[in-house]
PDB file of N, CA and C in Angstrom:
ATOM      1  N   MET A   1      30.583   5.837  35.305  1.00  0.00           N
ATOM      2  CA  MET A   1      30.095   5.031  36.463  1.00  0.00           C
ATOM      3  C   MET A   1      29.706   3.611  36.147  1.00  0.00           C
ATOM      4  N   THR A   2      30.068   2.665  36.924  1.00  0.00           N
ATOM      5  CA  THR A   2      29.908   1.415  36.573  1.00  0.00           C
ATOM      6  C   THR A   2      28.557   0.919  36.836  1.00  0.00           C
ATOM      7  N   ASP A   3      27.865   0.021  35.998  1.00  0.00           N
ATOM      8  CA  ASP A   3      26.564  -0.495  36.337  1.00  0.00           C
ATOM      9  C   ASP A   3      26.738  -1.675  37.214  1.00  0.00           C
ATOM     10  N   THR A   4      26.175  -1.568  38.435  1.00  0.00           N
ATOM     11  CA  THR A   4      26.137  -2.695  39.388  1.00  0.00           C
ATOM     12  C   THR A   4      24.759  -3.352  39.708  1.00  0.00           C
ATOM     13  N   SER A   5      23.957  -3.041  38.793  1.00  0.00           N
ATOM     14  CA  SER A   5      22.600  -3.650  38.824  1.00  0.00           C
ATOM     15  C   SER A   5      22.804  -5.201  38.658  1.00  0.00           C
ATOM     16  N   GLY A   6      21.700  -5.917  39.127  1.00  0.00           N
ATOM     17  CA  GLY A   6      21.771  -7.417  38.961  1.00  0.00           C
ATOM     18  C   GLY A   6      21.057  -8.061  40.002  1.00  0.00           C
ATOM     19  N   PHE A   7      21.187  -9.317  40.034  1.00  0.00           N
ATOM     20  CA  PHE A   7      20.773 -10.196  41.181  1.00  0.00           C
ATOM     21  C   PHE A   7      21.642 -10.379  42.278  1.00  0.00           C
ATOM     22  N   TYR A   8      21.216 -10.224  43.559  1.00  0.00           N
ATOM     23  CA  TYR A   8      22.091 -10.279  44.641  1.00  0.00           C
ATOM     24  C   TYR A   8      21.605 -11.204  45.719  1.00  0.00           C
ATOM     25  N   LEU A   9      22.574 -11.867  46.394  1.00  0.00           N
ATOM     26  CA  LEU A   9      22.323 -12.774  47.497  1.00  0.00           C
ATOM     27  C   LEU A   9      23.288 -12.545  48.561  1.00  0.00           C
ATOM     28  N   CYS A  10      22.804 -12.499  49.793  1.00  0.00           N
ATOM     29  CA  CYS A  10      23.720 -12.243  51.028  1.00  0.00           C
ATOM     30  C   CYS A  10      23.741 -13.621  51.668  1.00  0.00           C
ATOM     31  N   GLU A  11      24.997 -14.190  51.596  1.00  0.00           N
ATOM     32  CA  GLU A  11      25.176 -15.477  52.196  1.00  0.00           C
ATOM     33  C   GLU A  11      26.344 -15.492  53.175  1.00  0.00           C
ATOM     34  N   GLU A  12      26.037 -15.725  54.504  1.00  0.00           N
ATOM     35  CA  GLU A  12      26.909 -15.587  55.604  1.00  0.00           C
ATOM     36  C   GLU A  12      27.740 -14.299  55.625  1.00  0.00           C
ATOM     37  N   GLY A  13      26.902 -13.127  55.346  1.00  0.00           N
ATOM     38  CA  GLY A  13      27.626 -11.859  55.362  1.00  0.00           C
ATOM     39  C   GLY A  13      28.215 -11.465  54.152  1.00  0.00           C
ATOM     40  N   GLU A  14      28.435 -12.319  53.127  1.00  0.00           N
ATOM     41  CA  GLU A  14      29.129 -12.112  51.835  1.00  0.00           C
ATOM     42  C   GLU A  14      28.069 -11.846  50.822  1.00  0.00           C
ATOM     43  N   LEU A  15      28.285 -10.723  50.105  1.00  0.00           N
ATOM     44  CA  LEU A  15      27.389 -10.354  49.040  1.00  0.00           C
ATOM     45  C   LEU A  15      27.842 -10.833  47.699  1.00  0.00           C
ATOM     46  N   LEU A  16      26.845 -11.802  47.141  1.00  0.00           N
ATOM     47  CA  LEU A  16      27.076 -12.304  45.808  1.00  0.00           C
ATOM     48  C   LEU A  16      26.344 -11.610  44.850  1.00  0.00           C
ATOM     49  N   HIS A  17      26.901 -11.333  43.615  1.00  0.00           N
ATOM     50  CA  HIS A  17      26.219 -10.517  42.614  1.00  0.00           C
ATOM     51  C   HIS A  17      26.312 -11.456  41.303  1.00  0.00           C
ATOM     52  N   ALA A  18      25.109 -11.420  40.632  1.00  0.00           N
ATOM     53  CA  ALA A  18      24.925 -12.077  39.291  1.00  0.00           C
ATOM     54  C   ALA A  18      24.306 -11.034  38.376  1.00  0.00           C
ATOM     55  N   PRO A  19      25.120 -10.337  37.607  1.00  0.00           N
ATOM     56  CA  PRO A  19      24.670  -9.198  36.738  1.00  0.00           C
ATOM     57  C   PRO A  19      23.511  -9.590  35.657  1.00  0.00           C
ATOM     58  N   ASN A  20      23.792 -10.788  35.117  1.00  0.00           N
ATOM     59  CA  ASN A  20      22.756 -11.083  34.091  1.00  0.00           C
ATOM     60  C   ASN A  20      21.764 -12.346  34.348  1.00  0.00           C
ATOM     61  N   PHE A  21      22.237 -13.346  34.972  1.00  0.00           N
ATOM     62  CA  PHE A  21      21.348 -14.475  35.226  1.00  0.00           C
ATOM     63  C   PHE A  21      22.003 -15.256  36.465  1.00  0.00           C
ATOM     64  N   VAL A  22      21.187 -16.134  37.027  1.00  0.00           N
ATOM     65  CA  VAL A  22      21.423 -17.182  37.954  1.00  0.00           C
ATOM     66  C   VAL A  22      20.740 -18.456  37.478  1.00  0.00           C
ATOM     67  N   LEU A  23      21.658 -19.450  37.326  1.00  0.00           N
ATOM     68  CA  LEU A  23      21.110 -20.742  36.823  1.00  0.00           C
ATOM     69  C   LEU A  23      21.351 -21.815  37.964  1.00  0.00           C
ATOM     70  N   SER A  24      20.282 -22.577  38.154  1.00  0.00           N
ATOM     71  CA  SER A  24      20.373 -23.702  39.178  1.00  0.00           C
ATOM     72  C   SER A  24      19.469 -24.718  38.629  1.00  0.00           C
ATOM     73  N   LYS A  25      19.736 -26.003  39.163  1.00  0.00           N
ATOM     74  CA  LYS A  25      18.911 -27.156  38.708  1.00  0.00           C
ATOM     75  C   LYS A  25      17.400 -26.858  39.172  1.00  0.00           C
ATOM     76  N   ASP A  26      17.201 -25.999  40.039  1.00  0.00           N
ATOM     77  CA  ASP A  26      15.803 -25.817  40.559  1.00  0.00           C
ATOM     78  C   ASP A  26      15.205 -24.589  40.182  1.00  0.00           C
ATOM     79  N   TYR A  27      15.854 -23.558  39.506  1.00  0.00           N
ATOM     80  CA  TYR A  27      15.229 -22.298  39.178  1.00  0.00           C
ATOM     81  C   TYR A  27      16.303 -21.591  38.213  1.00  0.00           C
ATOM     82  N   GLU A  28      15.709 -20.625  37.521  1.00  0.00           N
ATOM     83  CA  GLU A  28      16.523 -19.739  36.718  1.00  0.00           C
ATOM     84  C   GLU A  28      16.103 -18.347  36.698  1.00  0.00           C
ATOM     85  N   LEU A  29      17.020 -17.362  36.871  1.00  0.00           N
ATOM     86  CA  LEU A  29      16.705 -15.849  36.955  1.00  0.00           C
ATOM     87  C   LEU A  29      17.439 -15.318  35.737  1.00  0.00           C
ATOM     88  N   ARG A  30      16.681 -14.445  34.999  1.00  0.00           N
ATOM     89  CA  ARG A  30      17.350 -13.704  33.981  1.00  0.00           C
ATOM     90  C   ARG A  30      16.969 -12.332  34.000  1.00  0.00           C
ATOM     91  N   ARG A  31      18.065 -11.476  33.785  1.00  0.00           N
ATOM     92  CA  ARG A  31      17.851 -10.093  33.647  1.00  0.00           C
ATOM     93  C   ARG A  31      16.580  -9.519  32.862  1.00  0.00           C
ATOM     94  N   GLU A  32      16.367 -10.130  31.770  1.00  0.00           N
ATOM     95  CA  GLU A  32      15.336  -9.641  30.872  1.00  0.00           C
ATOM     96  C   GLU A  32      13.839  -9.873  31.429  1.00  0.00           C
ATOM     97  N   HIS A  33      13.881 -10.865  32.479  1.00  0.00           N
ATOM     98  CA  HIS A  33      12.672 -11.223  33.192  1.00  0.00           C
ATOM     99  C   HIS A  33      12.524 -10.728  34.613  1.00  0.00           C
ATOM    100  N   ARG A  34      13.405  -9.839  34.926  1.00  0.00           N
ATOM    101  CA  ARG A  34      13.647  -9.472  36.375  1.00  0.00           C
ATOM    102  C   ARG A  34      12.341  -8.761  37.154  1.00  0.00           C
ATOM    103  N   ASP A  35      11.404  -8.250  36.144  1.00  0.00           N
ATOM    104  CA  ASP A  35      10.199  -7.729  36.749  1.00  0.00           C
ATOM    105  C   ASP A  35       9.133  -8.660  36.808  1.00  0.00           C
ATOM    106  N   GLN A  36       9.330  -9.949  36.484  1.00  0.00           N
ATOM    107  CA  GLN A  36       8.288 -10.948  36.554  1.00  0.00           C
ATOM    108  C   GLN A  36       8.414 -11.925  37.744  1.00  0.00           C
ATOM    109  N   TYR A  37       9.498 -11.704  38.442  1.00  0.00           N
ATOM    110  CA  TYR A  37       9.768 -12.675  39.599  1.00  0.00           C
ATOM    111  C   TYR A  37       9.199 -12.031  40.900  1.00  0.00           C
ATOM    112  N   GLU A  38       8.922 -12.998  41.860  1.00  0.00           N
ATOM    113  CA  GLU A  38       8.542 -12.507  43.195  1.00  0.00           C
ATOM    114  C   GLU A  38       9.575 -12.834  44.069  1.00  0.00           C
ATOM    115  N   TYR A  39      10.200 -11.635  44.601  1.00  0.00           N
ATOM    116  CA  TYR A  39      11.412 -11.939  45.417  1.00  0.00           C
ATOM    117  C   TYR A  39      11.233 -11.992  46.809  1.00  0.00           C
ATOM    118  N   PRO A  40      12.126 -12.534  47.542  1.00  0.00           N
ATOM    119  CA  PRO A  40      13.350 -13.374  47.044  1.00  0.00           C
ATOM    120  C   PRO A  40      13.005 -14.616  46.438  1.00  0.00           C
ATOM    121  N   VAL A  41      13.893 -14.980  45.483  1.00  0.00           N
ATOM    122  CA  VAL A  41      13.819 -16.332  44.847  1.00  0.00           C
ATOM    123  C   VAL A  41      15.031 -17.056  45.254  1.00  0.00           C
ATOM    124  N   PHE A  42      14.755 -18.010  46.252  1.00  0.00           N
ATOM    125  CA  PHE A  42      15.864 -18.849  46.803  1.00  0.00           C
ATOM    126  C   PHE A  42      16.964 -17.918  47.379  1.00  0.00           C
ATOM    127  N   GLY A  43      16.440 -16.668  48.061  1.00  0.00           N
ATOM    128  CA  GLY A  43      17.466 -15.788  48.476  1.00  0.00           C
ATOM    129  C   GLY A  43      17.864 -14.628  47.652  1.00  0.00           C
ATOM    130  N   TRP A  44      17.814 -14.890  46.314  1.00  0.00           N
ATOM    131  CA  TRP A  44      18.246 -13.789  45.352  1.00  0.00           C
ATOM    132  C   TRP A  44      17.190 -12.722  45.162  1.00  0.00           C
ATOM    133  N   SER A  45      17.558 -11.476  45.092  1.00  0.00           N
ATOM    134  CA  SER A  45      16.612 -10.354  44.784  1.00  0.00           C
ATOM    135  C   SER A  45      17.348  -9.438  43.729  1.00  0.00           C
ATOM    136  N   TRP A  46      16.641  -8.796  42.992  1.00  0.00           N
ATOM    137  CA  TRP A  46      17.102  -7.740  42.029  1.00  0.00           C
ATOM    138  C   TRP A  46      17.279  -6.372  42.722  1.00  0.00           C
ATOM    139  N   PHE A  47      18.411  -5.777  42.394  1.00  0.00           N
ATOM    140  CA  PHE A  47      18.694  -4.435  42.821  1.00  0.00           C
ATOM    141  C   PHE A  47      19.293  -3.567  41.818  1.00  0.00           C
ATOM    142  N   ASP A  48      18.989  -2.305  41.664  1.00  0.00           N
ATOM    143  CA  ASP A  48      19.502  -1.511  40.644  1.00  0.00           C
ATOM    144  C   ASP A  48      20.903  -0.936  40.877  1.00  0.00           C
ATOM    145  N   SER A  49      21.516  -1.257  42.079  1.00  0.00           N
ATOM    146  CA  SER A  49      22.862  -1.077  42.407  1.00  0.00           C
ATOM    147  C   SER A  49      23.282  -1.803  43.660  1.00  0.00           C
ATOM    148  N   GLU A  50      24.637  -1.859  43.710  1.00  0.00           N
ATOM    149  CA  GLU A  50      25.197  -2.764  44.868  1.00  0.00           C
ATOM    150  C   GLU A  50      25.033  -1.990  46.145  1.00  0.00           C
ATOM    151  N   SER A  51      25.028  -0.628  46.123  1.00  0.00           N
ATOM    152  CA  SER A  51      24.702   0.018  47.390  1.00  0.00           C
ATOM    153  C   SER A  51      23.282  -0.155  47.896  1.00  0.00           C
ATOM    154  N   GLU A  52      22.368  -0.237  46.806  1.00  0.00           N
ATOM    155  CA  GLU A  52      20.875  -0.425  47.275  1.00  0.00           C
ATOM    156  C   GLU A  52      20.863  -1.966  47.759  1.00  0.00           C
ATOM    157  N   ALA A  53      21.476  -2.933  47.218  1.00  0.00           N
ATOM    158  CA  ALA A  53      21.574  -4.306  47.829  1.00  0.00           C
ATOM    159  C   ALA A  53      22.204  -4.396  49.173  1.00  0.00           C
ATOM    160  N   ARG A  54      23.335  -3.571  49.352  1.00  0.00           N
ATOM    161  CA  ARG A  54      23.878  -3.583  50.731  1.00  0.00           C
ATOM    162  C   ARG A  54      22.939  -3.045  51.738  1.00  0.00           C
ATOM    163  N   ALA A  55      22.354  -1.963  51.397  1.00  0.00           N
ATOM    164  CA  ALA A  55      21.416  -1.301  52.336  1.00  0.00           C
ATOM    165  C   ALA A  55      20.251  -2.249  52.678  1.00  0.00           C
ATOM    166  N   ALA A  56      19.609  -3.014  51.701  1.00  0.00           N
ATOM    167  CA  ALA A  56      18.542  -3.951  51.979  1.00  0.00           C
ATOM    168  C   ALA A  56      19.009  -5.210  52.802  1.00  0.00           C
ATOM    169  N   PHE A  57      20.306  -5.614  52.703  1.00  0.00           N
ATOM    170  CA  PHE A  57      20.768  -6.686  53.376  1.00  0.00           C
ATOM    171  C   PHE A  57      21.351  -6.276  54.714  1.00  0.00           C
ATOM    172  N   GLY A  58      21.461  -4.993  55.042  1.00  0.00           N
ATOM    173  CA  GLY A  58      21.872  -4.516  56.255  1.00  0.00           C
ATOM    174  C   GLY A  58      23.579  -4.611  56.243  1.00  0.00           C
ATOM    175  N   LEU A  59      24.071  -4.474  55.159  1.00  0.00           N
ATOM    176  CA  LEU A  59      25.697  -4.602  55.152  1.00  0.00           C
ATOM    177  C   LEU A  59      26.228  -3.118  55.035  1.00  0.00           C
ATOM    178  N   PRO A  60      27.406  -3.071  55.496  1.00  0.00           N
ATOM    179  CA  PRO A  60      28.085  -1.739  55.336  1.00  0.00           C
ATOM    180  C   PRO A  60      28.387  -1.309  53.842  1.00  0.00           C
ATOM    181  N   PRO A  61      28.609  -0.099  53.552  1.00  0.00           N
ATOM    182  CA  PRO A  61      28.850   0.310  52.315  1.00  0.00           C
ATOM    183  C   PRO A  61      30.158  -0.374  51.769  1.00  0.00           C
ATOM    184  N   ALA A  62      30.312  -0.524  50.581  1.00  0.00           N
ATOM    185  CA  ALA A  62      31.483  -1.197  50.074  1.00  0.00           C
ATOM    186  C   ALA A  62      32.651  -0.193  50.238  1.00  0.00           C
ATOM    187  N   GLU A  63      33.970  -0.699  50.463  1.00  0.00           N
ATOM    188  CA  GLU A  63      35.099   0.113  50.641  1.00  0.00           C
ATOM    189  C   GLU A  63      35.579   0.436  49.214  1.00  0.00           C
ATOM    190  N   ALA A  64      35.916   1.650  49.214  1.00  0.00           N
ATOM    191  CA  ALA A  64      36.479   2.229  47.912  1.00  0.00           C
ATOM    192  C   ALA A  64      37.809   1.526  47.637  1.00  0.00           C
ATOM    193  N   GLY A  65      38.106   1.263  46.349  1.00  0.00           N
ATOM    194  CA  GLY A  65      39.375   0.597  46.019  1.00  0.00           C
ATOM    195  C   GLY A  65      40.387   1.820  45.842  1.00  0.00           C
ATOM    196  N   PRO A  66      41.614   1.491  45.736  1.00  0.00           N
ATOM    197  CA  PRO A  66      42.654   2.519  45.591  1.00  0.00           C
ATOM    198  C   PRO A  66      42.480   3.333  44.423  1.00  0.00           C
ATOM    199  N   GLU A  67      42.644   4.605  44.489  1.00  0.00           N
ATOM    200  CA  GLU A  67      42.519   5.462  43.278  1.00  0.00           C
ATOM    201  C   GLU A  67      43.642   5.229  42.356  1.00  0.00           C
ATOM    202  N   VAL A  68      43.335   5.260  41.170  1.00  0.00           N
ATOM    203  CA  VAL A  68      44.339   5.137  40.164  1.00  0.00           C
ATOM    204  C   VAL A  68      44.568   6.578  39.499  1.00  0.00           C
ATOM    205  N   GLU A  69      45.867   6.858  39.472  1.00  0.00           N
ATOM    206  CA  GLU A  69      46.313   8.141  38.831  1.00  0.00           C
ATOM    207  C   GLU A  69      46.557   7.912  37.295  1.00  0.00           C
ATOM    208  N   ALA A  70      46.068   8.987  36.619  1.00  0.00           N
ATOM    209  CA  ALA A  70      46.140   8.941  35.186  1.00  0.00           C
ATOM    210  C   ALA A  70      47.581   9.460  34.684  1.00  0.00           C
TER     211      ALA A  70
END
């Protein structure tokens, strides 16, 4: 199972994901300090999974990609 935890931002219905950090001239978010922030920070929030982020932002579940046969 893939780890989809990280910082998420919903912008115009598009979900942006930063798994380890977000850097801006005005702020910096880092995975190792995720419990120290008061969310949202400029729209970014921490979620333990993409599905949790989608639910929080009111987005539909992600579509499953094509299955790969071994």
